[in-house]
Every structure is written in C-alpha cells, then in structure tokens.
Amino acid sequence: MIGKAGQRIRQVRLDSGADVELSDNVGGTSDRVITITGTLQQIQAAQYMMQMAYETVALCSCSKTTGCWQYW
C-alpha cells in the first residue's frame, strides 16, 4: 500500500495536497494507522487515491516483482 520506498504515499501527498502520516506498526503486526490532514477537499482526494491504490493491489493477480504494486 505504501509503495516502493514510500513512493505511493509521496505521490498521494503531492497530488492531493494533504498531509499523510503513517504510524509505526501496530501491536507487532504489519498494520499501520494512516492519518490524513488538510482541507476537506484535500482529505477526500487523498482518501480516494488511497482507496483506488488499495483496490488495484487487492484485485491484481500479478506478483510484487512484475510491477503491479507500482500503481503510480
């Protein structure tokens, strides 16, 4: 979801204008909390981009090595 070296998150920040922060792993799992701040429009744009990225990854039948995880 984050993208290679944080590329996806950086792109969401740039395209939406929102501030997107990621917590450290939660409770020893790979789960992380995403906090989005900004104007209502910036937050909605960032949420939409993150949802589209998640759905693309979830529906993709490619492996990580084929570039399918590189949504942007």
Protein backbone atom coordinates (compact mmCIF):
# COMPACT_ATOMS: atom_id res chain seq x y z
CA MET A 1 0.00 0.00 0.00
CA ILE A 2 2.83 2.40 0.82
CA GLY A 3 4.72 1.75 -2.40
CA LYS A 4 8.37 1.12 -3.02
CA ALA A 5 10.39 3.37 -0.69
CA GLY A 6 7.20 5.29 0.15
CA GLN A 7 6.66 6.37 -3.46
CA ARG A 8 2.88 5.91 -3.41
CA ILE A 9 2.41 7.92 -0.21
CA ARG A 10 4.63 10.72 -1.54
CA GLN A 11 2.54 10.84 -4.71
CA VAL A 12 -0.72 10.99 -2.74
CA ARG A 13 0.70 13.89 -0.72
CA LEU A 14 1.79 15.72 -3.87
CA ASP A 15 -1.40 15.14 -5.86
CA SER A 16 -3.89 15.80 -3.05
CA GLY A 17 -2.07 18.50 -1.13
CA ALA A 18 -2.97 16.65 2.09
CA ASP A 19 -0.54 15.68 4.81
CA VAL A 20 -0.45 11.87 5.02
CA GLU A 21 1.28 10.32 8.03
CA LEU A 22 1.84 6.64 8.80
CA SER A 23 2.21 5.20 12.27
CA ASP A 24 4.74 2.59 13.20
CA ASN A 25 3.50 -0.98 13.01
CA VAL A 26 0.59 -1.56 15.38
CA GLY A 27 0.85 -4.26 18.05
CA GLY A 28 3.65 -6.22 16.41
CA THR A 29 1.64 -6.67 13.20
CA SER A 30 2.22 -5.20 9.76
CA ASP A 31 -0.85 -2.97 10.28
CA ARG A 32 -0.29 0.80 10.32
CA VAL A 33 -2.60 3.71 11.03
CA ILE A 34 -2.84 6.35 8.28
CA THR A 35 -3.68 9.90 9.39
CA ILE A 36 -4.72 12.38 6.70
CA THR A 37 -4.97 16.10 7.47
CA GLY A 38 -5.76 19.11 5.31
CA THR A 39 -8.82 20.79 3.88
CA LEU A 40 -11.93 18.71 3.35
CA GLN A 41 -11.18 18.58 -0.38
CA GLN A 42 -7.55 17.51 0.20
CA ILE A 43 -8.58 14.81 2.66
CA GLN A 44 -11.25 13.45 0.32
CA ALA A 45 -8.79 13.41 -2.59
CA ALA A 46 -6.16 11.57 -0.53
CA GLN A 47 -8.74 9.06 0.75
CA TYR A 48 -9.91 8.40 -2.79
CA MET A 49 -6.36 7.88 -4.08
CA MET A 50 -5.53 5.55 -1.20
CA GLN A 51 -8.74 3.54 -1.80
CA MET A 52 -8.01 3.25 -5.52
CA ALA A 53 -4.47 2.09 -4.78
CA TYR A 54 -5.76 -0.50 -2.29
CA GLU A 55 -8.37 -1.82 -4.71
CA THR A 56 -5.82 -2.03 -7.51
CA VAL A 57 -3.43 -4.02 -5.34
CA ALA A 58 -6.20 -6.22 -3.92
CA LEU A 59 -7.58 -7.09 -7.36
CA CYS A 60 -4.22 -7.53 -9.06
CA SER A 61 -3.23 -11.06 -9.93
CA CYS A 62 0.41 -10.09 -10.55
CA SER A 63 3.22 -10.79 -8.16
CA LYS A 64 5.15 -8.00 -6.43
CA THR A 65 8.05 -8.46 -8.85
CA THR A 66 6.02 -7.73 -12.00
CA GLY A 67 5.44 -4.10 -11.11
CA CYS A 68 1.75 -4.47 -10.36
CA TRP A 69 2.33 -3.00 -6.90
CA GLN A 70 3.66 0.14 -8.59
CA TYR A 71 0.26 1.77 -9.05
CA TRP A 72 1.64 5.25 -9.65
